Amino acid sequence: MTSEIHIHMANLRAKFIRHRAYRELREQFDLQLCRRRAALEAGMAFEAEAIALTGAPGSGKTTAVDHAISMRNDLILPKHNMETCEVVQIQVPSPATLKTVGGTLSDALGYELMREKSAALIWQHARKLLKERRTLFVHLDEAQDIYLSKGDRARNEVVNTLKSIMNNKDWPVGLILSGTPDLLHMINADRQLQRRVRVVQLSAVSFVTHGGDVSELLRGFAQESELPVVSSLGEDEFLKRLIHSAANEFGQIIDMILCGIEECLLAKEGQLEISHFAEAFRKKTACLPAFNPFLAQDYLRIDVTRVRDQGGGE
């Protein structure tokens, strides 16, 4: 029975919930892809652009980009084991330098570079590989890491390298940059880059703007799990606690809902109650009851992003 529950929860977690930012991202990606393909077919020069998806940790940025790409059945991806690779996705490695990012990109394109090469040579070769594999887009996840905590000279080199990918006369490549709002510092630092980036923001969720959507998500997941929901979970007070427990981030709200449902199913209890969410939050954070937003009276004072430190200090 337990294995069936885990399979069920895996299926729920695999679901993708569409939202406004995703629709904007998908629209921009489809538009830029169609423009590039049309230019290729006509044999015309093309000026590549970039899409930047920003949001706080846990907002669902990576999932949104992955889904937008996977929904295009006509794309040739690396997993197809073909010479052409129209989209390549990498997470910016740590430490994040031009050299490590260029090496990771080359690896993803199927070529392992000698690490002693300079960053300039690595990126020169990466641009050559992008043309050979007819790559149309490169997705850099957590792209802000390559720019933050750098000096002015290193930051300029980062910006110029990214522009060189889009400006390459032999084979311009579009960029998909996903990261925290700090990514905007890099975009705004260069007028040419700013002009060629279309920004999509995953804004924070609030009860006022998304209370109804969160309630619908909760009831939908519970219904798929064949769990009755106590009436108090439909009240404004609980929905506000739920949103706050997830730091007002869309992706974390979904995760919190699923953790509560999982807690109820594993406990083999007949209906979904607030106690299941309180226990799920406790297990996620190891917090004391006073710092549990599902239990504390003055829950809005709790900084859920630091709750582990608060709980551990008691």
C-alpha atoms as a PDB file:
ATOM      1  CA  MET A   1       0.000   0.000   0.000  1.00  0.00           C
ATOM      2  CA  THR A   2       2.859   2.377   0.865  1.00  0.00           C
ATOM      3  CA  SER A   3       4.466   1.848  -2.545  1.00  0.00           C
ATOM      4  CA  GLU A   4       1.145   2.698  -4.204  1.00  0.00           C
ATOM      5  CA  ILE A   5       1.043   5.952  -2.249  1.00  0.00           C
ATOM      6  CA  HIS A   6       4.550   6.879  -3.366  1.00  0.00           C
ATOM      7  CA  ILE A   7       3.701   6.085  -6.987  1.00  0.00           C
ATOM      8  CA  HIS A   8       0.574   8.212  -6.707  1.00  0.00           C
ATOM      9  CA  MET A   9       2.548  11.110  -5.193  1.00  0.00           C
ATOM     10  CA  ALA A  10       5.204  10.802  -7.913  1.00  0.00           C
ATOM     11  CA  ASN A  11       2.468  11.154 -10.533  1.00  0.00           C
ATOM     12  CA  LEU A  12       1.073  14.240  -8.791  1.00  0.00           C
ATOM     13  CA  ARG A  13       4.522  15.828  -8.558  1.00  0.00           C
ATOM     14  CA  ALA A  14       5.065  15.179 -12.260  1.00  0.00           C
ATOM     15  CA  LYS A  15       2.058  17.318 -13.152  1.00  0.00           C
ATOM     16  CA  PHE A  16       2.796  20.785 -14.484  1.00  0.00           C
ATOM     17  CA  ILE A  17       0.491  23.627 -13.472  1.00  0.00           C
ATOM     18  CA  ARG A  18       0.301  26.356 -16.096  1.00  0.00           C
ATOM     19  CA  HIS A  19       0.368  29.967 -14.929  1.00  0.00           C
ATOM     20  CA  ARG A  20       0.626  33.440 -16.421  1.00  0.00           C
ATOM     21  CA  ALA A  21       4.430  33.607 -16.416  1.00  0.00           C
ATOM     22  CA  TYR A  22       4.644  30.207 -18.095  1.00  0.00           C
ATOM     23  CA  ARG A  23       2.270  31.297 -20.838  1.00  0.00           C
ATOM     24  CA  GLU A  24       4.417  34.412 -21.458  1.00  0.00           C
ATOM     25  CA  LEU A  25       7.568  32.297 -21.510  1.00  0.00           C
ATOM     26  CA  ARG A  26       6.046  29.787 -23.914  1.00  0.00           C
ATOM     27  CA  GLU A  27       4.797  32.568 -26.192  1.00  0.00           C
ATOM     28  CA  GLN A  28       8.230  34.211 -26.336  1.00  0.00           C
ATOM     29  CA  PHE A  29      10.037  30.913 -26.905  1.00  0.00           C
ATOM     30  CA  ASP A  30       7.702  29.865 -29.702  1.00  0.00           C
ATOM     31  CA  LEU A  31       7.967  33.297 -31.328  1.00  0.00           C
ATOM     32  CA  GLN A  32      11.763  33.399 -31.281  1.00  0.00           C
ATOM     33  CA  LEU A  33      12.008  29.791 -32.460  1.00  0.00           C
ATOM     34  CA  CYS A  34       9.686  30.442 -35.414  1.00  0.00           C
ATOM     35  CA  ARG A  35      11.569  33.609 -36.344  1.00  0.00           C
ATOM     36  CA  ARG A  36      14.892  31.783 -36.390  1.00  0.00           C
ATOM     37  CA  ARG A  37      13.583  28.865 -38.416  1.00  0.00           C
ATOM     38  CA  ALA A  38      12.013  31.232 -40.936  1.00  0.00           C
ATOM     39  CA  ALA A  39      15.294  33.106 -41.322  1.00  0.00           C
ATOM     40  CA  LEU A  40      17.179  29.832 -41.828  1.00  0.00           C
ATOM     41  CA  GLU A  41      14.714  28.666 -44.451  1.00  0.00           C
ATOM     42  CA  ALA A  42      14.984  31.969 -46.313  1.00  0.00           C
ATOM     43  CA  GLY A  43      18.773  32.033 -46.011  1.00  0.00           C
ATOM     44  CA  MET A  44      18.647  35.406 -44.277  1.00  0.00           C
ATOM     45  CA  ALA A  45      20.842  36.898 -41.549  1.00  0.00           C
ATOM     46  CA  PHE A  46      19.329  36.682 -38.107  1.00  0.00           C
ATOM     47  CA  GLU A  47      19.872  38.642 -34.895  1.00  0.00           C
ATOM     48  CA  ALA A  48      19.297  36.291 -31.969  1.00  0.00           C
ATOM     49  CA  GLU A  49      17.588  37.457 -28.792  1.00  0.00           C
ATOM     50  CA  ALA A  50      17.296  36.220 -25.220  1.00  0.00           C
ATOM     51  CA  ILE A  51      14.522  35.359 -22.802  1.00  0.00           C
ATOM     52  CA  ALA A  52      15.084  35.896 -19.076  1.00  0.00           C
ATOM     53  CA  LEU A  53      12.790  34.168 -16.588  1.00  0.00           C
ATOM     54  CA  THR A  54      13.269  35.513 -13.069  1.00  0.00           C
ATOM     55  CA  GLY A  55      11.783  34.459  -9.760  1.00  0.00           C
ATOM     56  CA  ALA A  56      12.688  33.658  -6.176  1.00  0.00           C
ATOM     57  CA  PRO A  57      14.024  30.218  -5.225  1.00  0.00           C
ATOM     58  CA  GLY A  58      11.162  27.737  -5.244  1.00  0.00           C
ATOM     59  CA  SER A  59       9.020  29.720  -7.665  1.00  0.00           C
ATOM     60  CA  GLY A  60       9.271  27.062 -10.389  1.00  0.00           C
ATOM     61  CA  LYS A  61      11.580  28.710 -12.942  1.00  0.00           C
ATOM     62  CA  THR A  62      13.487  25.620 -14.032  1.00  0.00           C
ATOM     63  CA  THR A  63      10.331  23.533 -14.265  1.00  0.00           C
ATOM     64  CA  ALA A  64       8.659  26.188 -16.424  1.00  0.00           C
ATOM     65  CA  VAL A  65      11.578  26.323 -18.894  1.00  0.00           C
ATOM     66  CA  ASP A  66      11.829  22.525 -19.034  1.00  0.00           C
ATOM     67  CA  HIS A  67       8.120  22.257 -19.788  1.00  0.00           C
ATOM     68  CA  ALA A  68       8.158  24.982 -22.448  1.00  0.00           C
ATOM     69  CA  ILE A  69      10.953  23.150 -24.251  1.00  0.00           C
ATOM     70  CA  SER A  70       9.451  19.674 -23.849  1.00  0.00           C
ATOM     71  CA  MET A  71       6.111  20.827 -25.272  1.00  0.00           C
ATOM     72  CA  ARG A  72       7.758  21.452 -28.656  1.00  0.00           C
ATOM     73  CA  ASN A  73       7.697  17.976 -30.157  1.00  0.00           C
ATOM     74  CA  ASP A  74       9.506  19.243 -33.249  1.00  0.00           C
ATOM     75  CA  LEU A  75      12.665  20.192 -31.378  1.00  0.00           C
ATOM     76  CA  ILE A  76      15.765  18.023 -31.721  1.00  0.00           C
ATOM     77  CA  LEU A  77      17.234  17.635 -28.226  1.00  0.00           C
ATOM     78  CA  PRO A  78      20.526  16.063 -27.044  1.00  0.00           C
ATOM     79  CA  LYS A  79      18.751  12.939 -25.788  1.00  0.00           C
ATOM     80  CA  HIS A  80      17.762  12.065 -29.362  1.00  0.00           C
ATOM     81  CA  ASN A  81      21.394  11.097 -30.063  1.00  0.00           C
ATOM     82  CA  MET A  82      21.499  13.006 -33.333  1.00  0.00           C
ATOM     83  CA  GLU A  83      24.188  15.283 -34.714  1.00  0.00           C
ATOM     84  CA  THR A  84      21.800  18.235 -34.584  1.00  0.00           C
ATOM     85  CA  CYS A  85      21.042  19.594 -31.117  1.00  0.00           C
ATOM     86  CA  GLU A  86      18.630  22.521 -31.347  1.00  0.00           C
ATOM     87  CA  VAL A  87      18.408  23.281 -27.617  1.00  0.00           C
ATOM     88  CA  VAL A  88      21.036  22.611 -24.981  1.00  0.00           C
ATOM     89  CA  GLN A  89      20.374  23.166 -21.277  1.00  0.00           C
ATOM     90  CA  ILE A  90      22.946  23.510 -18.529  1.00  0.00           C
ATOM     91  CA  GLN A  91      22.953  24.601 -14.919  1.00  0.00           C
ATOM     92  CA  VAL A  92      25.633  27.154 -14.199  1.00  0.00           C
ATOM     93  CA  PRO A  93      28.252  25.170 -12.252  1.00  0.00           C
ATOM     94  CA  SER A  94      29.961  26.090  -9.022  1.00  0.00           C
ATOM     95  CA  PRO A  95      32.343  27.812  -8.977  1.00  0.00           C
ATOM     96  CA  ALA A  96      30.663  29.924 -11.626  1.00  0.00           C
ATOM     97  CA  THR A  97      33.285  31.338 -13.961  1.00  0.00           C
ATOM     98  CA  LEU A  98      33.342  31.880 -17.694  1.00  0.00           C
ATOM     99  CA  LYS A  99      35.755  28.979 -17.943  1.00  0.00           C
ATOM    100  CA  THR A 100      33.618  26.482 -16.000  1.00  0.00           C
ATOM    101  CA  VAL A 101      30.424  27.528 -17.787  1.00  0.00           C
ATOM    102  CA  GLY A 102      32.093  27.273 -21.189  1.00  0.00           C
ATOM    103  CA  GLY A 103      33.469  23.848 -20.307  1.00  0.00           C
ATOM    104  CA  THR A 104      30.064  22.646 -19.085  1.00  0.00           C
ATOM    105  CA  LEU A 105      28.450  23.890 -22.298  1.00  0.00           C
ATOM    106  CA  SER A 106      31.040  22.064 -24.402  1.00  0.00           C
ATOM    107  CA  ASP A 107      30.461  18.885 -22.402  1.00  0.00           C
ATOM    108  CA  ALA A 108      26.715  19.181 -22.999  1.00  0.00           C
ATOM    109  CA  LEU A 109      27.415  19.513 -26.725  1.00  0.00           C
ATOM    110  CA  GLY A 110      29.390  16.292 -26.641  1.00  0.00           C
ATOM    111  CA  TYR A 111      32.961  17.535 -26.513  1.00  0.00           C
ATOM    112  CA  GLU A 112      35.172  17.284 -23.435  1.00  0.00           C
ATOM    113  CA  LEU A 113      37.676  20.115 -23.437  1.00  0.00           C
ATOM    114  CA  MET A 114      41.111  20.138 -21.861  1.00  0.00           C
ATOM    115  CA  ARG A 115      40.662  22.161 -18.684  1.00  0.00           C
ATOM    116  CA  GLU A 116      43.987  23.977 -19.014  1.00  0.00           C
ATOM    117  CA  LYS A 117      42.686  25.950 -21.985  1.00  0.00           C
ATOM    118  CA  SER A 118      41.891  29.613 -21.397  1.00  0.00           C
ATOM    119  CA  ALA A 119      38.310  30.860 -21.075  1.00  0.00           C
ATOM    120  CA  ALA A 120      38.651  32.665 -24.422  1.00  0.00           C
ATOM    121  CA  LEU A 121      39.681  29.478 -26.240  1.00  0.00           C
ATOM    122  CA  ILE A 122      36.980  27.433 -24.513  1.00  0.00           C
ATOM    123  CA  TRP A 123      34.278  29.845 -25.639  1.00  0.00           C
ATOM    124  CA  GLN A 124      35.741  30.095 -29.127  1.00  0.00           C
ATOM    125  CA  HIS A 125      35.420  26.334 -29.402  1.00  0.00           C
ATOM    126  CA  ALA A 126      31.934  26.375 -27.822  1.00  0.00           C
ATOM    127  CA  ARG A 127      30.716  28.769 -30.518  1.00  0.00           C
ATOM    128  CA  LYS A 128      32.142  26.443 -33.155  1.00  0.00           C
ATOM    129  CA  LEU A 129      30.315  23.480 -31.580  1.00  0.00           C
ATOM    130  CA  LEU A 130      27.039  25.415 -31.472  1.00  0.00           C
ATOM    131  CA  LYS A 131      27.281  25.928 -35.224  1.00  0.00           C
ATOM    132  CA  GLU A 132      28.293  22.328 -35.949  1.00  0.00           C
ATOM    133  CA  ARG A 133      25.336  20.996 -33.976  1.00  0.00           C
ATOM    134  CA  ARG A 134      22.995  23.663 -35.375  1.00  0.00           C
ATOM    135  CA  THR A 135      21.978  24.769 -31.909  1.00  0.00           C
ATOM    136  CA  LEU A 136      19.265  27.418 -31.823  1.00  0.00           C
ATOM    137  CA  PHE A 137      19.019  28.062 -28.055  1.00  0.00           C
ATOM    138  CA  VAL A 138      21.201  27.690 -24.979  1.00  0.00           C
ATOM    139  CA  HIS A 139      19.477  27.623 -21.599  1.00  0.00           C
ATOM    140  CA  LEU A 140      21.593  28.760 -18.638  1.00  0.00           C
ATOM    141  CA  ASP A 141      19.900  27.927 -15.344  1.00  0.00           C
ATOM    142  CA  GLU A 142      20.836  30.036 -12.299  1.00  0.00           C
ATOM    143  CA  ALA A 143      22.460  32.418 -14.752  1.00  0.00           C
ATOM    144  CA  GLN A 144      22.946  35.145 -12.129  1.00  0.00           C
ATOM    145  CA  ASP A 145      25.729  33.078 -10.519  1.00  0.00           C
ATOM    146  CA  ILE A 146      28.060  33.735 -13.424  1.00  0.00           C
ATOM    147  CA  TYR A 147      27.750  37.500 -12.853  1.00  0.00           C
ATOM    148  CA  LEU A 148      27.319  38.098  -9.124  1.00  0.00           C
ATOM    149  CA  SER A 149      30.290  38.504  -6.785  1.00  0.00           C
ATOM    150  CA  LYS A 150      32.537  39.454  -9.674  1.00  0.00           C
ATOM    151  CA  GLY A 151      34.592  42.574 -10.240  1.00  0.00           C
ATOM    152  CA  ASP A 152      33.773  45.062 -12.981  1.00  0.00           C
ATOM    153  CA  ARG A 153      36.222  43.534 -15.449  1.00  0.00           C
ATOM    154  CA  ALA A 154      34.899  39.995 -14.959  1.00  0.00           C
ATOM    155  CA  ARG A 155      31.310  41.209 -15.232  1.00  0.00           C
ATOM    156  CA  ASN A 156      32.063  42.944 -18.527  1.00  0.00           C
ATOM    157  CA  GLU A 157      33.637  39.742 -19.828  1.00  0.00           C
ATOM    158  CA  VAL A 158      30.509  37.782 -18.902  1.00  0.00           C
ATOM    159  CA  VAL A 159      28.203  40.224 -20.674  1.00  0.00           C
ATOM    160  CA  ASN A 160      30.423  40.376 -23.746  1.00  0.00           C
ATOM    161  CA  THR A 161      30.631  36.589 -23.937  1.00  0.00           C
ATOM    162  CA  LEU A 162      26.855  36.225 -23.819  1.00  0.00           C
ATOM    163  CA  LYS A 163      26.461  38.888 -26.492  1.00  0.00           C
ATOM    164  CA  SER A 164      29.056  37.123 -28.648  1.00  0.00           C
ATOM    165  CA  ILE A 165      26.842  34.031 -28.727  1.00  0.00           C
ATOM    166  CA  MET A 166      23.858  36.028 -29.956  1.00  0.00           C
ATOM    167  CA  ASN A 167      25.977  38.217 -32.273  1.00  0.00           C
ATOM    168  CA  ASN A 168      27.943  35.408 -33.930  1.00  0.00           C
ATOM    169  CA  LYS A 169      27.714  36.161 -37.664  1.00  0.00           C
ATOM    170  CA  ASP A 170      28.330  32.545 -38.646  1.00  0.00           C
ATOM    171  CA  TRP A 171      25.709  31.081 -36.292  1.00  0.00           C
ATOM    172  CA  PRO A 172      23.803  33.314 -33.835  1.00  0.00           C
ATOM    173  CA  VAL A 173      22.252  31.450 -30.894  1.00  0.00           C
ATOM    174  CA  GLY A 174      19.367  32.606 -28.710  1.00  0.00           C
ATOM    175  CA  LEU A 175      19.678  32.501 -24.930  1.00  0.00           C
ATOM    176  CA  ILE A 176      17.237  31.426 -22.249  1.00  0.00           C
ATOM    177  CA  LEU A 177      18.404  32.767 -18.901  1.00  0.00           C
ATOM    178  CA  SER A 178      16.642  31.641 -15.734  1.00  0.00           C
ATOM    179  CA  GLY A 179      17.528  32.817 -12.261  1.00  0.00           C
ATOM    180  CA  THR A 180      16.696  34.956  -9.272  1.00  0.00           C
ATOM    181  CA  PRO A 181      15.766  38.648  -9.634  1.00  0.00           C
ATOM    182  CA  ASP A 182      19.497  39.396  -9.234  1.00  0.00           C
ATOM    183  CA  LEU A 183      19.754  38.342 -12.871  1.00  0.00           C
ATOM    184  CA  LEU A 184      18.254  41.720 -13.788  1.00  0.00           C
ATOM    185  CA  HIS A 185      21.439  43.446 -12.560  1.00  0.00           C
ATOM    186  CA  MET A 186      23.366  41.725 -15.329  1.00  0.00           C
ATOM    187  CA  ILE A 187      20.762  42.516 -17.970  1.00  0.00           C
ATOM    188  CA  ASN A 188      20.496  46.174 -16.997  1.00  0.00           C
ATOM    189  CA  ALA A 189      24.270  46.632 -16.883  1.00  0.00           C
ATOM    190  CA  ASP A 190      24.580  46.673 -20.664  1.00  0.00           C
ATOM    191  CA  ARG A 191      22.319  48.614 -22.998  1.00  0.00           C
ATOM    192  CA  GLN A 192      22.842  46.277 -25.955  1.00  0.00           C
ATOM    193  CA  LEU A 193      22.055  43.211 -23.865  1.00  0.00           C
ATOM    194  CA  GLN A 194      19.044  44.884 -22.291  1.00  0.00           C
ATOM    195  CA  ARG A 195      17.650  45.701 -25.731  1.00  0.00           C
ATOM    196  CA  ARG A 196      17.747  42.054 -26.784  1.00  0.00           C
ATOM    197  CA  VAL A 197      16.314  40.403 -23.685  1.00  0.00           C
ATOM    198  CA  ARG A 198      12.619  39.751 -23.147  1.00  0.00           C
ATOM    199  CA  VAL A 199      12.027  39.520 -19.388  1.00  0.00           C
ATOM    200  CA  VAL A 200       9.348  37.298 -17.863  1.00  0.00           C
ATOM    201  CA  GLN A 201       8.905  37.481 -14.094  1.00  0.00           C
ATOM    202  CA  LEU A 202       7.477  34.854 -11.772  1.00  0.00           C
ATOM    203  CA  SER A 203       5.960  37.208  -9.235  1.00  0.00           C
ATOM    204  CA  ALA A 204       5.298  36.338  -5.615  1.00  0.00           C
ATOM    205  CA  VAL A 205       1.891  34.838  -4.834  1.00  0.00           C
ATOM    206  CA  SER A 206      -0.477  36.530  -2.401  1.00  0.00           C
ATOM    207  CA  PHE A 207      -3.869  35.635  -1.015  1.00  0.00           C
ATOM    208  CA  VAL A 208      -5.410  38.705  -2.649  1.00  0.00           C
ATOM    209  CA  THR A 209      -4.134  37.865  -6.120  1.00  0.00           C
ATOM    210  CA  HIS A 210      -4.112  34.059  -6.031  1.00  0.00           C
ATOM    211  CA  GLY A 211      -6.235  32.894  -3.099  1.00  0.00           C
ATOM    212  CA  GLY A 212      -8.835  31.358  -5.384  1.00  0.00           C
ATOM    213  CA  ASP A 213      -6.212  29.610  -7.501  1.00  0.00           C
ATOM    214  CA  VAL A 214      -4.521  28.108  -4.431  1.00  0.00           C
ATOM    215  CA  SER A 215      -7.873  26.862  -3.124  1.00  0.00           C
ATOM    216  CA  GLU A 216      -8.612  25.267  -6.495  1.00  0.00           C
ATOM    217  CA  LEU A 217      -5.191  23.588  -6.563  1.00  0.00           C
ATOM    218  CA  LEU A 218      -5.690  22.192  -3.068  1.00  0.00           C
ATOM    219  CA  ARG A 219      -9.099  20.740  -3.827  1.00  0.00           C
ATOM    220  CA  GLY A 220      -7.978  19.403  -7.194  1.00  0.00           C
ATOM    221  CA  PHE A 221      -5.007  17.499  -5.757  1.00  0.00           C
ATOM    222  CA  ALA A 222      -7.121  16.224  -2.864  1.00  0.00           C
ATOM    223  CA  GLN A 223      -9.805  15.000  -5.252  1.00  0.00           C
ATOM    224  CA  GLU A 224      -7.213  13.142  -7.333  1.00  0.00           C
ATOM    225  CA  SER A 225      -6.047  11.544  -4.096  1.00  0.00           C
ATOM    226  CA  GLU A 226      -9.642  10.611  -3.157  1.00  0.00           C
ATOM    227  CA  LEU A 227      -9.340  12.584   0.056  1.00  0.00           C
ATOM    228  CA  PRO A 228     -12.233  14.542   1.562  1.00  0.00           C
ATOM    229  CA  VAL A 229     -11.173  18.007   2.742  1.00  0.00           C
ATOM    230  CA  VAL A 230     -12.359  19.428   6.057  1.00  0.00           C
ATOM    231  CA  SER A 231     -14.271  22.644   5.605  1.00  0.00           C
ATOM    232  CA  SER A 232     -11.682  24.733   7.471  1.00  0.00           C
ATOM    233  CA  LEU A 233      -9.152  24.151   4.672  1.00  0.00           C
ATOM    234  CA  GLY A 234     -11.349  26.149   2.342  1.00  0.00           C
ATOM    235  CA  GLU A 235     -11.434  29.149   4.646  1.00  0.00           C
ATOM    236  CA  ASP A 236      -9.386  32.271   4.025  1.00  0.00           C
ATOM    237  CA  GLU A 237      -7.387  31.825   7.234  1.00  0.00           C
ATOM    238  CA  PHE A 238      -5.957  28.454   6.201  1.00  0.00           C
ATOM    239  CA  LEU A 239      -5.201  29.570   2.643  1.00  0.00           C
ATOM    240  CA  LYS A 240      -3.272  32.559   4.006  1.00  0.00           C
ATOM    241  CA  ARG A 241      -1.280  30.252   6.285  1.00  0.00           C
ATOM    242  CA  LEU A 242      -0.577  27.905   3.381  1.00  0.00           C
ATOM    243  CA  ILE A 243       0.673  30.711   1.142  1.00  0.00           C
ATOM    244  CA  HIS A 244       2.828  32.141   3.928  1.00  0.00           C
ATOM    245  CA  SER A 245       4.315  28.720   4.756  1.00  0.00           C
ATOM    246  CA  ALA A 246       5.611  28.558   1.174  1.00  0.00           C
ATOM    247  CA  ALA A 247       7.197  32.031   1.299  1.00  0.00           C
ATOM    248  CA  ASN A 248       4.596  33.212  -1.237  1.00  0.00           C
ATOM    249  CA  GLU A 249       6.274  31.202  -4.006  1.00  0.00           C
ATOM    250  CA  PHE A 250       4.173  29.278  -6.519  1.00  0.00           C
ATOM    251  CA  GLY A 251       6.353  26.187  -6.737  1.00  0.00           C
ATOM    252  CA  GLN A 252       6.693  25.902  -2.970  1.00  0.00           C
ATOM    253  CA  ILE A 253       2.919  26.237  -2.505  1.00  0.00           C
ATOM    254  CA  ILE A 254       2.363  23.229  -4.742  1.00  0.00           C
ATOM    255  CA  ASP A 255       5.048  21.305  -2.867  1.00  0.00           C
ATOM    256  CA  MET A 256       3.453  22.169   0.490  1.00  0.00           C
ATOM    257  CA  ILE A 257       0.030  21.002  -0.713  1.00  0.00           C
ATOM    258  CA  LEU A 258       1.486  17.708  -1.905  1.00  0.00           C
ATOM    259  CA  CYS A 259       3.453  17.206   1.320  1.00  0.00           C
ATOM    260  CA  GLY A 260       0.258  17.665   3.333  1.00  0.00           C
ATOM    261  CA  ILE A 261      -1.607  15.173   1.166  1.00  0.00           C
ATOM    262  CA  GLU A 262       1.258  12.693   1.421  1.00  0.00           C
ATOM    263  CA  GLU A 263       1.267  13.018   5.212  1.00  0.00           C
ATOM    264  CA  CYS A 264      -2.460  12.238   5.310  1.00  0.00           C
ATOM    265  CA  LEU A 265      -2.171   9.230   3.005  1.00  0.00           C
ATOM    266  CA  LEU A 266       0.784   7.716   4.834  1.00  0.00           C
ATOM    267  CA  ALA A 267      -0.983   8.191   8.184  1.00  0.00           C
ATOM    268  CA  LYS A 268      -3.987   6.371   6.659  1.00  0.00           C
ATOM    269  CA  GLU A 269      -6.365   9.003   7.923  1.00  0.00           C
ATOM    270  CA  GLY A 270      -9.693   9.535   6.237  1.00  0.00           C
ATOM    271  CA  GLN A 271      -9.695  13.260   5.511  1.00  0.00           C
ATOM    272  CA  LEU A 272      -7.236  16.051   4.858  1.00  0.00           C
ATOM    273  CA  GLU A 273      -6.837  18.374   7.845  1.00  0.00           C
ATOM    274  CA  ILE A 274      -4.614  21.244   8.942  1.00  0.00           C
ATOM    275  CA  SER A 275      -2.701  18.874  11.229  1.00  0.00           C
ATOM    276  CA  HIS A 276      -1.305  17.105   8.170  1.00  0.00           C
ATOM    277  CA  PHE A 277       0.148  20.353   6.854  1.00  0.00           C
ATOM    278  CA  ALA A 278       1.527  21.269  10.271  1.00  0.00           C
ATOM    279  CA  GLU A 279       3.295  17.907  10.510  1.00  0.00           C
ATOM    280  CA  ALA A 280       4.575  18.128   6.937  1.00  0.00           C
ATOM    281  CA  PHE A 281       6.018  21.586   7.638  1.00  0.00           C
ATOM    282  CA  ARG A 282       7.628  20.329  10.858  1.00  0.00           C
ATOM    283  CA  LYS A 283       9.319  17.492   8.987  1.00  0.00           C
ATOM    284  CA  LYS A 284      10.534  19.839   6.255  1.00  0.00           C
ATOM    285  CA  THR A 285      11.994  22.432   8.633  1.00  0.00           C
ATOM    286  CA  ALA A 286      12.537  20.741  12.038  1.00  0.00           C
ATOM    287  CA  CYS A 287      10.905  23.795  13.593  1.00  0.00           C
ATOM    288  CA  LEU A 288       9.280  24.193  16.982  1.00  0.00           C
ATOM    289  CA  PRO A 289       5.485  24.699  17.141  1.00  0.00           C
ATOM    290  CA  ALA A 290       5.987  28.409  17.821  1.00  0.00           C
ATOM    291  CA  PHE A 291       7.595  28.723  14.387  1.00  0.00           C
ATOM    292  CA  ASN A 292       5.111  26.572  12.501  1.00  0.00           C
ATOM    293  CA  PRO A 293       2.786  28.805  10.424  1.00  0.00           C
ATOM    294  CA  PHE A 294       0.031  26.185  10.600  1.00  0.00           C
ATOM    295  CA  LEU A 295       0.080  26.263  14.420  1.00  0.00           C
ATOM    296  CA  ALA A 296       1.314  29.661  15.593  1.00  0.00           C
ATOM    297  CA  GLN A 297      -1.307  32.282  16.331  1.00  0.00           C
ATOM    298  CA  ASP A 298       0.759  35.183  15.033  1.00  0.00           C
ATOM    299  CA  TYR A 299       2.077  33.227  12.038  1.00  0.00           C
ATOM    300  CA  LEU A 300       2.804  36.274   9.876  1.00  0.00           C
ATOM    301  CA  ARG A 301       5.722  37.215  12.136  1.00  0.00           C
ATOM    302  CA  ILE A 302       7.484  33.955  11.187  1.00  0.00           C
ATOM    303  CA  ASP A 303      10.191  34.282   8.582  1.00  0.00           C
ATOM    304  CA  VAL A 304       9.750  30.874   6.957  1.00  0.00           C
ATOM    305  CA  THR A 305      12.971  31.305   4.981  1.00  0.00           C
ATOM    306  CA  ARG A 306      14.896  31.256   8.287  1.00  0.00           C
ATOM    307  CA  VAL A 307      12.726  28.948  10.335  1.00  0.00           C
ATOM    308  CA  ARG A 308      15.443  26.313  10.658  1.00  0.00           C
ATOM    309  CA  ASP A 309      17.722  28.794  12.385  1.00  0.00           C
ATOM    310  CA  GLN A 310      14.920  29.967  14.651  1.00  0.00           C
ATOM    311  CA  GLY A 311      13.954  26.464  15.617  1.00  0.00           C
ATOM    312  CA  GLY A 312      17.517  25.328  16.131  1.00  0.00           C
ATOM    313  CA  GLY A 313      18.274  28.201  18.470  1.00  0.00           C
ATOM    314  CA  GLU A 314      15.780  27.191  21.118  1.00  0.00           C
END
